[in-house]
Amino acid sequence: KNIPVPPGNLEKVITIIRDKIASGIYEPSNSSYRSRWFCVPKKDKVSLRLVHDLQPLNGVTIKDAAVPPLIEHMAETFAARACYSMFDLFVAFD
């Protein structure tokens, strides 16, 4: 069931979605599943944040019951190699 968008926020929501498509955050999909979404106001009380409700997708997600490798074994695979990491600051805190 869809969560309705208040008519006063419709233009803001359309702009947000178009911006996310243009920046590559949202992309086309042929998946047979979809997630519901709704809007909440940001702290400034003017901007909106899109929130995706992924609870129905959790029901069809295949659980990975494998035991993770020991950290010592993982560290050995990085011996004499450069390691780097990156935070997703682009979309992490929309």
PDB file of N, CA and C in Angstrom:
ATOM      1  N   LYS A   1       0.851  -1.180   0.000  1.00  0.00           N
ATOM      2  CA  LYS A   1       0.000   0.000   0.000  1.00  0.00           C
ATOM      3  C   LYS A   1       0.895   1.240   0.000  1.00  0.00           C
ATOM      4  N   ASN A   2       0.588   2.169  -0.862  1.00  0.00           N
ATOM      5  CA  ASN A   2       1.371   3.397  -0.936  1.00  0.00           C
ATOM      6  C   ASN A   2       1.058   4.328   0.227  1.00  0.00           C
ATOM      7  N   ILE A   3       2.034   5.103   0.598  1.00  0.00           N
ATOM      8  CA  ILE A   3       1.864   6.119   1.632  1.00  0.00           C
ATOM      9  C   ILE A   3       1.661   7.438   0.901  1.00  0.00           C
ATOM     10  N   PRO A   4       0.521   8.098   1.096  1.00  0.00           N
ATOM     11  CA  PRO A   4       0.223   9.297   0.304  1.00  0.00           C
ATOM     12  C   PRO A   4       1.152  10.472   0.619  1.00  0.00           C
ATOM     13  N   VAL A   5       1.400  11.273  -0.413  1.00  0.00           N
ATOM     14  CA  VAL A   5       2.190  12.497  -0.264  1.00  0.00           C
ATOM     15  C   VAL A   5       1.206  13.648  -0.100  1.00  0.00           C
ATOM     16  N   PRO A   6       1.345  14.448   0.947  1.00  0.00           N
ATOM     17  CA  PRO A   6       0.452  15.598   1.096  1.00  0.00           C
ATOM     18  C   PRO A   6       0.564  16.513  -0.126  1.00  0.00           C
ATOM     19  N   PRO A   7      -0.565  17.014  -0.643  1.00  0.00           N
ATOM     20  CA  PRO A   7      -0.535  17.846  -1.852  1.00  0.00           C
ATOM     21  C   PRO A   7       0.407  19.041  -1.758  1.00  0.00           C
ATOM     22  N   GLY A   8       0.572  19.616  -0.584  1.00  0.00           N
ATOM     23  CA  GLY A   8       1.460  20.765  -0.421  1.00  0.00           C
ATOM     24  C   GLY A   8       2.930  20.418  -0.581  1.00  0.00           C
ATOM     25  N   ASN A   9       3.267  19.145  -0.452  1.00  0.00           N
ATOM     26  CA  ASN A   9       4.665  18.703  -0.557  1.00  0.00           C
ATOM     27  C   ASN A   9       4.983  18.035  -1.888  1.00  0.00           C
ATOM     28  N   LEU A  10       3.999  17.885  -2.754  1.00  0.00           N
ATOM     29  CA  LEU A  10       4.188  17.128  -3.985  1.00  0.00           C
ATOM     30  C   LEU A  10       5.300  17.702  -4.859  1.00  0.00           C
ATOM     31  N   GLU A  11       5.334  19.000  -5.049  1.00  0.00           N
ATOM     32  CA  GLU A  11       6.376  19.609  -5.889  1.00  0.00           C
ATOM     33  C   GLU A  11       7.768  19.413  -5.284  1.00  0.00           C
ATOM     34  N   LYS A  12       7.877  19.529  -3.948  1.00  0.00           N
ATOM     35  CA  LYS A  12       9.169  19.312  -3.281  1.00  0.00           C
ATOM     36  C   LYS A  12       9.641  17.874  -3.484  1.00  0.00           C
ATOM     37  N   VAL A  13       8.713  16.937  -3.357  1.00  0.00           N
ATOM     38  CA  VAL A  13       9.055  15.519  -3.507  1.00  0.00           C
ATOM     39  C   VAL A  13       9.501  15.225  -4.937  1.00  0.00           C
ATOM     40  N   ILE A  14       8.793  15.766  -5.901  1.00  0.00           N
ATOM     41  CA  ILE A  14       9.173  15.564  -7.307  1.00  0.00           C
ATOM     42  C   ILE A  14      10.568  16.119  -7.564  1.00  0.00           C
ATOM     43  N   THR A  15      10.861  17.285  -7.012  1.00  0.00           N
ATOM     44  CA  THR A  15      12.189  17.885  -7.174  1.00  0.00           C
ATOM     45  C   THR A  15      13.266  17.010  -6.543  1.00  0.00           C
ATOM     46  N   ILE A  16      13.007  16.492  -5.349  1.00  0.00           N
ATOM     47  CA  ILE A  16      13.976  15.628  -4.664  1.00  0.00           C
ATOM     48  C   ILE A  16      14.261  14.383  -5.505  1.00  0.00           C
ATOM     49  N   ILE A  17      13.208  13.759  -6.011  1.00  0.00           N
ATOM     50  CA  ILE A  17      13.382  12.533  -6.799  1.00  0.00           C
ATOM     51  C   ILE A  17      14.132  12.824  -8.092  1.00  0.00           C
ATOM     52  N   ARG A  18      13.786  13.905  -8.760  1.00  0.00           N
ATOM     53  CA  ARG A  18      14.492  14.261 -10.001  1.00  0.00           C
ATOM     54  C   ARG A  18      15.970  14.532  -9.735  1.00  0.00           C
ATOM     55  N   ASP A  19      16.278  15.206  -8.628  1.00  0.00           N
ATOM     56  CA  ASP A  19      17.675  15.475  -8.275  1.00  0.00           C
ATOM     57  C   ASP A  19      18.438  14.175  -8.018  1.00  0.00           C
ATOM     58  N   LYS A  20      17.794  13.225  -7.340  1.00  0.00           N
ATOM     59  CA  LYS A  20      18.452  11.952  -7.045  1.00  0.00           C
ATOM     60  C   LYS A  20      18.677  11.135  -8.317  1.00  0.00           C
ATOM     61  N   ILE A  21      17.750  11.215  -9.250  1.00  0.00           N
ATOM     62  CA  ILE A  21      17.933  10.531 -10.537  1.00  0.00           C
ATOM     63  C   ILE A  21      19.068  11.185 -11.314  1.00  0.00           C
ATOM     64  N   ALA A  22      19.075  12.517 -11.361  1.00  0.00           N
ATOM     65  CA  ALA A  22      20.104  13.245 -12.116  1.00  0.00           C
ATOM     66  C   ALA A  22      21.500  13.010 -11.550  1.00  0.00           C
ATOM     67  N   SER A  23      21.616  12.870 -10.227  1.00  0.00           N
ATOM     68  CA  SER A  23      22.932  12.674  -9.618  1.00  0.00           C
ATOM     69  C   SER A  23      23.360  11.209  -9.594  1.00  0.00           C
ATOM     70  N   GLY A  24      22.494  10.300 -10.036  1.00  0.00           N
ATOM     71  CA  GLY A  24      22.855   8.891 -10.102  1.00  0.00           C
ATOM     72  C   GLY A  24      22.589   8.108  -8.834  1.00  0.00           C
ATOM     73  N   ILE A  25      21.977   8.730  -7.845  1.00  0.00           N
ATOM     74  CA  ILE A  25      21.652   8.008  -6.611  1.00  0.00           C
ATOM     75  C   ILE A  25      20.548   6.993  -6.888  1.00  0.00           C
ATOM     76  N   TYR A  26      19.525   7.407  -7.620  1.00  0.00           N
ATOM     77  CA  TYR A  26      18.464   6.501  -8.059  1.00  0.00           C
ATOM     78  C   TYR A  26      18.758   6.104  -9.492  1.00  0.00           C
ATOM     79  N   GLU A  27      18.519   4.846  -9.812  1.00  0.00           N
ATOM     80  CA  GLU A  27      18.748   4.376 -11.172  1.00  0.00           C
ATOM     81  C   GLU A  27      17.631   3.413 -11.558  1.00  0.00           C
ATOM     82  N   PRO A  28      17.422   3.223 -12.848  1.00  0.00           N
ATOM     83  CA  PRO A  28      16.358   2.317 -13.294  1.00  0.00           C
ATOM     84  C   PRO A  28      16.603   0.889 -12.803  1.00  0.00           C
ATOM     85  N   SER A  29      15.510   0.171 -12.591  1.00  0.00           N
ATOM     86  CA  SER A  29      15.611  -1.203 -12.107  1.00  0.00           C
ATOM     87  C   SER A  29      14.527  -2.053 -12.754  1.00  0.00           C
ATOM     88  N   ASN A  30      14.833  -3.314 -12.961  1.00  0.00           N
ATOM     89  CA  ASN A  30      13.860  -4.279 -13.473  1.00  0.00           C
ATOM     90  C   ASN A  30      13.449  -5.265 -12.383  1.00  0.00           C
ATOM     91  N   SER A  31      13.687  -4.912 -11.145  1.00  0.00           N
ATOM     92  CA  SER A  31      13.389  -5.794 -10.029  1.00  0.00           C
ATOM     93  C   SER A  31      11.885  -6.012  -9.902  1.00  0.00           C
ATOM     94  N   SER A  32      11.518  -7.181  -9.410  1.00  0.00           N
ATOM     95  CA  SER A  32      10.102  -7.462  -9.183  1.00  0.00           C
ATOM     96  C   SER A  32       9.655  -6.957  -7.812  1.00  0.00           C
ATOM     97  N   TYR A  33      10.556  -6.333  -7.085  1.00  0.00           N
ATOM     98  CA  TYR A  33      10.231  -5.789  -5.774  1.00  0.00           C
ATOM     99  C   TYR A  33      10.390  -4.279  -5.793  1.00  0.00           C
ATOM    100  N   ARG A  34       9.698  -3.642  -4.886  1.00  0.00           N
ATOM    101  CA  ARG A  34       9.843  -2.198  -4.727  1.00  0.00           C
ATOM    102  C   ARG A  34       9.701  -1.878  -3.248  1.00  0.00           C
ATOM    103  N   SER A  35      10.165  -0.727  -2.861  1.00  0.00           N
ATOM    104  CA  SER A  35      10.032  -0.320  -1.464  1.00  0.00           C
ATOM    105  C   SER A  35       9.101   0.881  -1.384  1.00  0.00           C
ATOM    106  N   ARG A  36       8.349   0.899  -0.322  1.00  0.00           N
ATOM    107  CA  ARG A  36       7.509   2.068  -0.072  1.00  0.00           C
ATOM    108  C   ARG A  36       8.386   3.164   0.488  1.00  0.00           C
ATOM    109  N   TRP A  37       7.955   4.389   0.333  1.00  0.00           N
ATOM    110  CA  TRP A  37       8.703   5.514   0.871  1.00  0.00           C
ATOM    111  C   TRP A  37       7.723   6.561   1.373  1.00  0.00           C
ATOM    112  N   PHE A  38       8.237   7.405   2.238  1.00  0.00           N
ATOM    113  CA  PHE A  38       7.448   8.521   2.749  1.00  0.00           C
ATOM    114  C   PHE A  38       8.401   9.652   3.078  1.00  0.00           C
ATOM    115  N   CYS A  39       7.856  10.814   3.371  1.00  0.00           N
ATOM    116  CA  CYS A  39       8.676  11.998   3.649  1.00  0.00           C
ATOM    117  C   CYS A  39       8.542  12.411   5.102  1.00  0.00           C
ATOM    118  N   VAL A  40       9.642  12.875   5.644  1.00  0.00           N
ATOM    119  CA  VAL A  40       9.641  13.486   6.972  1.00  0.00           C
ATOM    120  C   VAL A  40      10.365  14.823   6.857  1.00  0.00           C
ATOM    121  N   PRO A  41       9.981  15.792   7.673  1.00  0.00           N
ATOM    122  CA  PRO A  41      10.684  17.084   7.615  1.00  0.00           C
ATOM    123  C   PRO A  41      12.068  16.977   8.239  1.00  0.00           C
ATOM    124  N   LYS A  42      13.020  17.700   7.651  1.00  0.00           N
ATOM    125  CA  LYS A  42      14.356  17.787   8.234  1.00  0.00           C
ATOM    126  C   LYS A  42      14.315  18.744   9.416  1.00  0.00           C
ATOM    127  N   LYS A  43      15.436  18.884  10.109  1.00  0.00           N
ATOM    128  CA  LYS A  43      15.479  19.735  11.301  1.00  0.00           C
ATOM    129  C   LYS A  43      15.139  21.187  11.009  1.00  0.00           C
ATOM    130  N   ASP A  44      15.405  21.632   9.772  1.00  0.00           N
ATOM    131  CA  ASP A  44      15.109  23.030   9.449  1.00  0.00           C
ATOM    132  C   ASP A  44      13.613  23.274   9.249  1.00  0.00           C
ATOM    133  N   LYS A  45      12.791  22.215   9.308  1.00  0.00           N
ATOM    134  CA  LYS A  45      11.329  22.278   9.190  1.00  0.00           C
ATOM    135  C   LYS A  45      10.854  22.719   7.807  1.00  0.00           C
ATOM    136  N   VAL A  46      11.773  22.909   6.856  1.00  0.00           N
ATOM    137  CA  VAL A  46      11.400  23.336   5.507  1.00  0.00           C
ATOM    138  C   VAL A  46      11.701  22.227   4.507  1.00  0.00           C
ATOM    139  N   SER A  47      12.900  21.671   4.582  1.00  0.00           N
ATOM    140  CA  SER A  47      13.331  20.619   3.656  1.00  0.00           C
ATOM    141  C   SER A  47      12.701  19.287   4.045  1.00  0.00           C
ATOM    142  N   LEU A  48      12.619  18.405   3.056  1.00  0.00           N
ATOM    143  CA  LEU A  48      12.072  17.074   3.291  1.00  0.00           C
ATOM    144  C   LEU A  48      13.153  16.021   3.109  1.00  0.00           C
ATOM    145  N   ARG A  49      12.981  14.905   3.811  1.00  0.00           N
ATOM    146  CA  ARG A  49      13.878  13.757   3.676  1.00  0.00           C
ATOM    147  C   ARG A  49      13.025  12.573   3.231  1.00  0.00           C
ATOM    148  N   LEU A  50      13.468  11.877   2.197  1.00  0.00           N
ATOM    149  CA  LEU A  50      12.775  10.665   1.766  1.00  0.00           C
ATOM    150  C   LEU A  50      13.253   9.494   2.615  1.00  0.00           C
ATOM    151  N   VAL A  51      12.316   8.740   3.137  1.00  0.00           N
ATOM    152  CA  VAL A  51      12.626   7.564   3.947  1.00  0.00           C
ATOM    153  C   VAL A  51      12.045   6.355   3.228  1.00  0.00           C
ATOM    154  N   HIS A  52      12.872   5.345   2.998  1.00  0.00           N
ATOM    155  CA  HIS A  52      12.421   4.130   2.321  1.00  0.00           C
ATOM    156  C   HIS A  52      12.099   3.070   3.360  1.00  0.00           C
ATOM    157  N   ASP A  53      10.900   2.502   3.271  1.00  0.00           N
ATOM    158  CA  ASP A  53      10.467   1.443   4.174  1.00  0.00           C
ATOM    159  C   ASP A  53      10.850   0.104   3.547  1.00  0.00           C
ATOM    160  N   LEU A  54      11.915  -0.493   4.039  1.00  0.00           N
ATOM    161  CA  LEU A  54      12.435  -1.732   3.462  1.00  0.00           C
ATOM    162  C   LEU A  54      11.969  -2.985   4.200  1.00  0.00           C
ATOM    163  N   GLN A  55      11.031  -2.837   5.129  1.00  0.00           N
ATOM    164  CA  GLN A  55      10.577  -3.988   5.899  1.00  0.00           C
ATOM    165  C   GLN A  55      10.011  -5.110   5.033  1.00  0.00           C
ATOM    166  N   PRO A  56       9.170  -4.818   4.017  1.00  0.00           N
ATOM    167  CA  PRO A  56       8.670  -5.930   3.186  1.00  0.00           C
ATOM    168  C   PRO A  56       9.788  -6.666   2.438  1.00  0.00           C
ATOM    169  N   LEU A  57      10.849  -5.967   2.073  1.00  0.00           N
ATOM    170  CA  LEU A  57      11.956  -6.623   1.372  1.00  0.00           C
ATOM    171  C   LEU A  57      12.730  -7.560   2.287  1.00  0.00           C
ATOM    172  N   ASN A  58      12.702  -7.297   3.589  1.00  0.00           N
ATOM    173  CA  ASN A  58      13.401  -8.176   4.525  1.00  0.00           C
ATOM    174  C   ASN A  58      12.824  -9.587   4.500  1.00  0.00           C
ATOM    175  N   GLY A  59      11.532  -9.694   4.168  1.00  0.00           N
ATOM    176  CA  GLY A  59      10.887 -11.001   4.115  1.00  0.00           C
ATOM    177  C   GLY A  59      11.372 -11.874   2.974  1.00  0.00           C
ATOM    178  N   VAL A  60      11.900 -11.278   1.919  1.00  0.00           N
ATOM    179  CA  VAL A  60      12.367 -12.051   0.764  1.00  0.00           C
ATOM    180  C   VAL A  60      13.884 -12.051   0.641  1.00  0.00           C
ATOM    181  N   THR A  61      14.566 -11.424   1.581  1.00  0.00           N
ATOM    182  CA  THR A  61      16.026 -11.383   1.553  1.00  0.00           C
ATOM    183  C   THR A  61      16.585 -12.734   1.973  1.00  0.00           C
ATOM    184  N   ILE A  62      17.533 -13.238   1.217  1.00  0.00           N
ATOM    185  CA  ILE A  62      18.176 -14.509   1.556  1.00  0.00           C
ATOM    186  C   ILE A  62      19.188 -14.245   2.666  1.00  0.00           C
ATOM    187  N   LYS A  63      19.000 -14.937   3.762  1.00  0.00           N
ATOM    188  CA  LYS A  63      19.875 -14.748   4.918  1.00  0.00           C
ATOM    189  C   LYS A  63      21.220 -15.429   4.668  1.00  0.00           C
ATOM    190  N   ASP A  64      22.285 -14.739   4.983  1.00  0.00           N
ATOM    191  CA  ASP A  64      23.624 -15.309   4.854  1.00  0.00           C
ATOM    192  C   ASP A  64      24.031 -15.824   6.228  1.00  0.00           C
ATOM    193  N   ALA A  65      23.947 -17.123   6.397  1.00  0.00           N
ATOM    194  CA  ALA A  65      24.231 -17.724   7.696  1.00  0.00           C
ATOM    195  C   ALA A  65      25.683 -18.162   7.838  1.00  0.00           C
ATOM    196  N   ALA A  66      26.515 -17.781   6.906  1.00  0.00           N
ATOM    197  CA  ALA A  66      27.919 -18.177   6.975  1.00  0.00           C
ATOM    198  C   ALA A  66      28.611 -17.470   8.138  1.00  0.00           C
ATOM    199  N   VAL A  67      29.572 -18.148   8.699  1.00  0.00           N
ATOM    200  CA  VAL A  67      30.351 -17.575   9.788  1.00  0.00           C
ATOM    201  C   VAL A  67      31.394 -16.640   9.173  1.00  0.00           C
ATOM    202  N   PRO A  68      31.497 -15.409   9.650  1.00  0.00           N
ATOM    203  CA  PRO A  68      32.499 -14.505   9.080  1.00  0.00           C
ATOM    204  C   PRO A  68      33.915 -15.007   9.380  1.00  0.00           C
ATOM    205  N   PRO A  69      34.863 -14.689   8.513  1.00  0.00           N
ATOM    206  CA  PRO A  69      36.237 -15.155   8.745  1.00  0.00           C
ATOM    207  C   PRO A  69      36.849 -14.479   9.972  1.00  0.00           C
ATOM    208  N   LEU A  70      37.835 -15.138  10.541  1.00  0.00           N
ATOM    209  CA  LEU A  70      38.544 -14.559  11.678  1.00  0.00           C
ATOM    210  C   LEU A  70      39.306 -13.323  11.218  1.00  0.00           C
ATOM    211  N   ILE A  71      39.367 -12.332  12.063  1.00  0.00           N
ATOM    212  CA  ILE A  71      40.029 -11.077  11.700  1.00  0.00           C
ATOM    213  C   ILE A  71      41.511 -11.294  11.415  1.00  0.00           C
ATOM    214  N   GLU A  72      42.122 -12.256  12.101  1.00  0.00           N
ATOM    215  CA  GLU A  72      43.535 -12.539  11.864  1.00  0.00           C
ATOM    216  C   GLU A  72      43.759 -13.034  10.431  1.00  0.00           C
ATOM    217  N   HIS A  73      42.862 -13.871   9.942  1.00  0.00           N
ATOM    218  CA  HIS A  73      42.985 -14.389   8.576  1.00  0.00           C
ATOM    219  C   HIS A  73      42.762 -13.274   7.560  1.00  0.00           C
ATOM    220  N   MET A  74      41.832 -12.390   7.856  1.00  0.00           N
ATOM    221  CA  MET A  74      41.585 -11.260   6.949  1.00  0.00           C
ATOM    222  C   MET A  74      42.804 -10.352   6.911  1.00  0.00           C
ATOM    223  N   ALA A  75      43.401 -10.100   8.074  1.00  0.00           N
ATOM    224  CA  ALA A  75      44.559  -9.209   8.140  1.00  0.00           C
ATOM    225  C   ALA A  75      45.739  -9.793   7.367  1.00  0.00           C
ATOM    226  N   GLU A  76      45.889 -11.102   7.401  1.00  0.00           N
ATOM    227  CA  GLU A  76      46.991 -11.738   6.673  1.00  0.00           C
ATOM    228  C   GLU A  76      46.869 -11.541   5.167  1.00  0.00           C
ATOM    229  N   THR A  77      45.661 -11.473   4.662  1.00  0.00           N
ATOM    230  CA  THR A  77      45.483 -11.291   3.212  1.00  0.00           C
ATOM    231  C   THR A  77      45.892  -9.894   2.768  1.00  0.00           C
ATOM    232  N   PHE A  78      45.981  -8.962   3.697  1.00  0.00           N
ATOM    233  CA  PHE A  78      46.384  -7.598   3.362  1.00  0.00           C
ATOM    234  C   PHE A  78      47.874  -7.346   3.604  1.00  0.00           C
ATOM    235  N   ALA A  79      48.611  -8.365   3.974  1.00  0.00           N
ATOM    236  CA  ALA A  79      50.035  -8.187   4.264  1.00  0.00           C
ATOM    237  C   ALA A  79      50.763  -7.649   3.038  1.00  0.00           C
ATOM    238  N   ALA A  80      51.585  -6.622   3.257  1.00  0.00           N
ATOM    239  CA  ALA A  80      52.403  -5.979   2.219  1.00  0.00           C
ATOM    240  C   ALA A  80      51.559  -5.362   1.105  1.00  0.00           C
ATOM    241  N   ARG A  81      50.332  -4.979   1.436  1.00  0.00           N
ATOM    242  CA  ARG A  81      49.466  -4.322   0.453  1.00  0.00           C
ATOM    243  C   ARG A  81      48.919  -3.033   1.037  1.00  0.00           C
ATOM    244  N   ALA A  82      48.568  -2.144   0.169  1.00  0.00           N
ATOM    245  CA  ALA A  82      47.970  -0.882   0.614  1.00  0.00           C
ATOM    246  C   ALA A  82      46.475  -1.085   0.841  1.00  0.00           C
ATOM    247  N   CYS A  83      45.974  -0.495   1.893  1.00  0.00           N
ATOM    248  CA  CYS A  83      44.545  -0.571   2.203  1.00  0.00           C
ATOM    249  C   CYS A  83      43.995   0.839   2.309  1.00  0.00           C
ATOM    250  N   TYR A  84      42.791   0.997   1.871  1.00  0.00           N
ATOM    251  CA  TYR A  84      42.123   2.279   2.040  1.00  0.00           C
ATOM    252  C   TYR A  84      40.637   2.017   2.230  1.00  0.00           C
ATOM    253  N   SER A  85      39.953   2.977   2.777  1.00  0.00           N
ATOM    254  CA  SER A  85      38.502   2.864   2.912  1.00  0.00           C
ATOM    255  C   SER A  85      37.895   4.217   2.604  1.00  0.00           C
ATOM    256  N   MET A  86      36.614   4.199   2.384  1.00  0.00           N
ATOM    257  CA  MET A  86      35.950   5.441   2.029  1.00  0.00           C
ATOM    258  C   MET A  86      34.570   5.450   2.663  1.00  0.00           C
ATOM    259  N   PHE A  87      34.211   6.575   3.237  1.00  0.00           N
ATOM    260  CA  PHE A  87      32.881   6.734   3.791  1.00  0.00           C
ATOM    261  C   PHE A  87      31.953   7.241   2.706  1.00  0.00           C
ATOM    262  N   ASP A  88      30.726   6.835   2.773  1.00  0.00           N
ATOM    263  CA  ASP A  88      29.744   7.290   1.800  1.00  0.00           C
ATOM    264  C   ASP A  88      29.127   8.590   2.305  1.00  0.00           C
ATOM    265  N   LEU A  89      29.869   9.665   2.181  1.00  0.00           N
ATOM    266  CA  LEU A  89      29.383  10.962   2.640  1.00  0.00           C
ATOM    267  C   LEU A  89      28.469  11.619   1.617  1.00  0.00           C
ATOM    268  N   PHE A  90      28.430  11.067   0.422  1.00  0.00           N
ATOM    269  CA  PHE A  90      27.619  11.669  -0.633  1.00  0.00           C
ATOM    270  C   PHE A  90      26.130  11.526  -0.345  1.00  0.00           C
ATOM    271  N   VAL A  91      25.684  10.334   0.051  1.00  0.00           N
ATOM    272  CA  VAL A  91      24.262  10.128   0.306  1.00  0.00           C
ATOM    273  C   VAL A  91      23.965   9.624   1.718  1.00  0.00           C
ATOM    274  N   ALA A  92      24.972   9.505   2.550  1.00  0.00           N
ATOM    275  CA  ALA A  92      24.754   8.931   3.874  1.00  0.00           C
ATOM    276  C   ALA A  92      23.809   9.768   4.727  1.00  0.00           C
ATOM    277  N   PHE A  93      23.970  11.051   4.712  1.00  0.00           N
ATOM    278  CA  PHE A  93      23.132  11.915   5.530  1.00  0.00           C
ATOM    279  C   PHE A  93      22.427  12.906   4.631  1.00  0.00           C
ATOM    280  N   ASP A  94      21.493  12.402   3.872  1.00  0.00           N
ATOM    281  CA  ASP A  94      20.759  13.172   2.874  1.00  0.00           C
ATOM    282  C   ASP A  94      20.240  14.465   3.447  1.00  0.00           C
TER     283      ASP A  94
END
